[in-house]
Amino acid sequence: MKVVSILFPLALGVLALSSLEAQSPTPIEMQAIVPGSMTPTPAPATAAGAGVSTTDMQKLMQLVQEMQATNDATLKKQEAALQTLDALQKAAEEIKIFSKRG
């Protein structure tokens, strides 16, 4: 009975594996590069001379300044939260010390 309980799952596993078909990779067709057939790509335009008007630049500068102000406010809030967490951690440590004494 023990042999059957070992061989039966083994036979099922072999049957399951034999039913699987191996996957062959799909062939990749590539076009040959012939010298002289490549067209040069144009160079990307720079931000300074790419037709950006002064009003667009002013809007961008205003947006950057607003983002900086938002970031500064966020940093101040995070600093206040860290100070609160430090105070809570010190209080928790004091409670642990006092609870061990009494």
C-alpha atoms as a PDB file:
ATOM      1  CA  MET A   1       0.000   0.000   0.000  1.00  0.00           C
ATOM      2  CA  LYS A   2       2.889   2.370   0.759  1.00  0.00           C
ATOM      3  CA  VAL A   3       4.394   1.768  -2.673  1.00  0.00           C
ATOM      4  CA  VAL A   4       1.109   2.675  -4.354  1.00  0.00           C
ATOM      5  CA  SER A   5       0.789   5.854  -2.275  1.00  0.00           C
ATOM      6  CA  ILE A   6       4.253   6.913  -3.431  1.00  0.00           C
ATOM      7  CA  LEU A   7       4.087   5.810  -7.072  1.00  0.00           C
ATOM      8  CA  PHE A   8       0.592   7.140  -7.838  1.00  0.00           C
ATOM      9  CA  PRO A   9       1.412  10.838  -7.241  1.00  0.00           C
ATOM     10  CA  LEU A  10       4.720  10.339  -9.033  1.00  0.00           C
ATOM     11  CA  ALA A  11       2.945   8.868 -12.071  1.00  0.00           C
ATOM     12  CA  LEU A  12       0.439  11.748 -12.074  1.00  0.00           C
ATOM     13  CA  GLY A  13       3.300  14.226 -12.019  1.00  0.00           C
ATOM     14  CA  VAL A  14       5.049  12.530 -14.944  1.00  0.00           C
ATOM     15  CA  LEU A  15       1.831  12.527 -16.951  1.00  0.00           C
ATOM     16  CA  ALA A  16       1.256  16.195 -16.226  1.00  0.00           C
ATOM     17  CA  LEU A  17       4.779  17.119 -17.277  1.00  0.00           C
ATOM     18  CA  SER A  18       4.662  15.030 -20.438  1.00  0.00           C
ATOM     19  CA  SER A  19       1.481  16.776 -21.576  1.00  0.00           C
ATOM     20  CA  LEU A  20       3.206  20.165 -21.557  1.00  0.00           C
ATOM     21  CA  GLU A  21       4.695  21.314 -24.851  1.00  0.00           C
ATOM     22  CA  ALA A  22       7.960  23.178 -24.964  1.00  0.00           C
ATOM     23  CA  GLN A  23       7.617  26.751 -26.110  1.00  0.00           C
ATOM     24  CA  SER A  24       9.882  27.823 -28.899  1.00  0.00           C
ATOM     25  CA  PRO A  25      10.807  31.484 -29.108  1.00  0.00           C
ATOM     26  CA  THR A  26       9.167  33.418 -31.898  1.00  0.00           C
ATOM     27  CA  PRO A  27      11.618  34.425 -34.585  1.00  0.00           C
ATOM     28  CA  ILE A  28      12.565  38.089 -34.678  1.00  0.00           C
ATOM     29  CA  GLU A  29      12.822  39.632 -38.107  1.00  0.00           C
ATOM     30  CA  MET A  30      15.206  42.552 -38.353  1.00  0.00           C
ATOM     31  CA  GLN A  31      15.715  44.811 -41.318  1.00  0.00           C
ATOM     32  CA  ALA A  32      19.268  45.003 -42.575  1.00  0.00           C
ATOM     33  CA  ILE A  33      21.017  48.332 -42.205  1.00  0.00           C
ATOM     34  CA  VAL A  34      22.431  49.516 -45.489  1.00  0.00           C
ATOM     35  CA  PRO A  35      25.062  52.255 -45.327  1.00  0.00           C
ATOM     36  CA  GLY A  36      23.595  55.544 -46.456  1.00  0.00           C
ATOM     37  CA  SER A  37      19.987  54.519 -45.893  1.00  0.00           C
ATOM     38  CA  MET A  38      19.774  55.974 -42.417  1.00  0.00           C
ATOM     39  CA  THR A  39      18.376  59.484 -42.192  1.00  0.00           C
ATOM     40  CA  PRO A  40      19.899  61.639 -39.470  1.00  0.00           C
ATOM     41  CA  THR A  41      17.541  62.612 -36.669  1.00  0.00           C
ATOM     42  CA  PRO A  42      17.248  66.328 -35.926  1.00  0.00           C
ATOM     43  CA  ALA A  43      18.858  67.570 -32.745  1.00  0.00           C
ATOM     44  CA  PRO A  44      16.426  68.284 -29.905  1.00  0.00           C
ATOM     45  CA  ALA A  45      15.603  71.934 -29.396  1.00  0.00           C
ATOM     46  CA  THR A  46      16.932  73.647 -26.308  1.00  0.00           C
ATOM     47  CA  ALA A  47      14.583  75.320 -23.845  1.00  0.00           C
ATOM     48  CA  ALA A  48      16.253  78.702 -24.176  1.00  0.00           C
ATOM     49  CA  GLY A  49      15.834  79.143 -27.905  1.00  0.00           C
ATOM     50  CA  ALA A  50      12.934  76.857 -28.712  1.00  0.00           C
ATOM     51  CA  GLY A  51      10.369  79.577 -29.215  1.00  0.00           C
ATOM     52  CA  VAL A  52       9.483  79.913 -25.536  1.00  0.00           C
ATOM     53  CA  SER A  53       7.936  83.307 -24.973  1.00  0.00           C
ATOM     54  CA  THR A  54       8.682  85.502 -21.979  1.00  0.00           C
ATOM     55  CA  THR A  55       5.146  85.073 -20.657  1.00  0.00           C
ATOM     56  CA  ASP A  56       5.632  81.306 -20.661  1.00  0.00           C
ATOM     57  CA  MET A  57       8.914  81.732 -18.827  1.00  0.00           C
ATOM     58  CA  GLN A  58       7.246  84.008 -16.274  1.00  0.00           C
ATOM     59  CA  LYS A  59       4.482  81.477 -15.743  1.00  0.00           C
ATOM     60  CA  LEU A  60       7.068  78.736 -15.278  1.00  0.00           C
ATOM     61  CA  MET A  61       9.010  80.838 -12.778  1.00  0.00           C
ATOM     62  CA  GLN A  62       5.808  81.588 -10.855  1.00  0.00           C
ATOM     63  CA  LEU A  63       4.957  77.884 -10.817  1.00  0.00           C
ATOM     64  CA  VAL A  64       8.424  77.015  -9.533  1.00  0.00           C
ATOM     65  CA  GLN A  65       8.170  79.650  -6.792  1.00  0.00           C
ATOM     66  CA  GLU A  66       4.761  78.312  -5.748  1.00  0.00           C
ATOM     67  CA  MET A  67       6.178  74.794  -5.632  1.00  0.00           C
ATOM     68  CA  GLN A  68       9.080  75.989  -3.485  1.00  0.00           C
ATOM     69  CA  ALA A  69       6.684  77.697  -1.081  1.00  0.00           C
ATOM     70  CA  THR A  70       4.579  74.533  -0.855  1.00  0.00           C
ATOM     71  CA  ASN A  71       7.688  72.444  -0.237  1.00  0.00           C
ATOM     72  CA  ASP A  72       8.868  74.819   2.498  1.00  0.00           C
ATOM     73  CA  ALA A  73       5.478  74.620   4.224  1.00  0.00           C
ATOM     74  CA  THR A  74       5.534  70.833   3.998  1.00  0.00           C
ATOM     75  CA  LEU A  75       9.045  70.702   5.465  1.00  0.00           C
ATOM     76  CA  LYS A  76       7.972  72.910   8.395  1.00  0.00           C
ATOM     77  CA  LYS A  77       5.002  70.630   9.084  1.00  0.00           C
ATOM     78  CA  GLN A  78       7.221  67.556   8.937  1.00  0.00           C
ATOM     79  CA  GLU A  79       9.740  69.145  11.302  1.00  0.00           C
ATOM     80  CA  ALA A  80       6.960  69.939  13.786  1.00  0.00           C
ATOM     81  CA  ALA A  81       5.674  66.375  13.519  1.00  0.00           C
ATOM     82  CA  LEU A  82       9.177  65.003  14.149  1.00  0.00           C
ATOM     83  CA  GLN A  83       9.559  67.164  17.242  1.00  0.00           C
ATOM     84  CA  THR A  84       6.199  65.910  18.528  1.00  0.00           C
ATOM     85  CA  LEU A  85       7.247  62.322  17.878  1.00  0.00           C
ATOM     86  CA  ASP A  86      10.544  62.888  19.697  1.00  0.00           C
ATOM     87  CA  ALA A  87       8.669  64.260  22.702  1.00  0.00           C
ATOM     88  CA  LEU A  88       6.312  61.269  22.661  1.00  0.00           C
ATOM     89  CA  GLN A  89       9.245  58.866  22.448  1.00  0.00           C
ATOM     90  CA  LYS A  90      10.956  60.520  25.439  1.00  0.00           C
ATOM     91  CA  ALA A  91       7.713  60.348  27.401  1.00  0.00           C
ATOM     92  CA  ALA A  92       7.326  56.659  26.542  1.00  0.00           C
ATOM     93  CA  GLU A  93      10.874  55.944  27.687  1.00  0.00           C
ATOM     94  CA  GLU A  94      10.211  57.755  30.971  1.00  0.00           C
ATOM     95  CA  ILE A  95       7.045  55.719  31.489  1.00  0.00           C
ATOM     96  CA  LYS A  96       9.035  52.513  30.891  1.00  0.00           C
ATOM     97  CA  ILE A  97      11.655  53.586  33.428  1.00  0.00           C
ATOM     98  CA  PHE A  98       9.041  54.508  36.057  1.00  0.00           C
ATOM     99  CA  SER A  99       7.065  51.306  35.471  1.00  0.00           C
ATOM    100  CA  LYS A 100      10.181  49.189  36.123  1.00  0.00           C
ATOM    101  CA  ARG A 101      10.854  50.966  39.436  1.00  0.00           C
ATOM    102  CA  GLY A 102       7.418  50.527  40.937  1.00  0.00           C
END
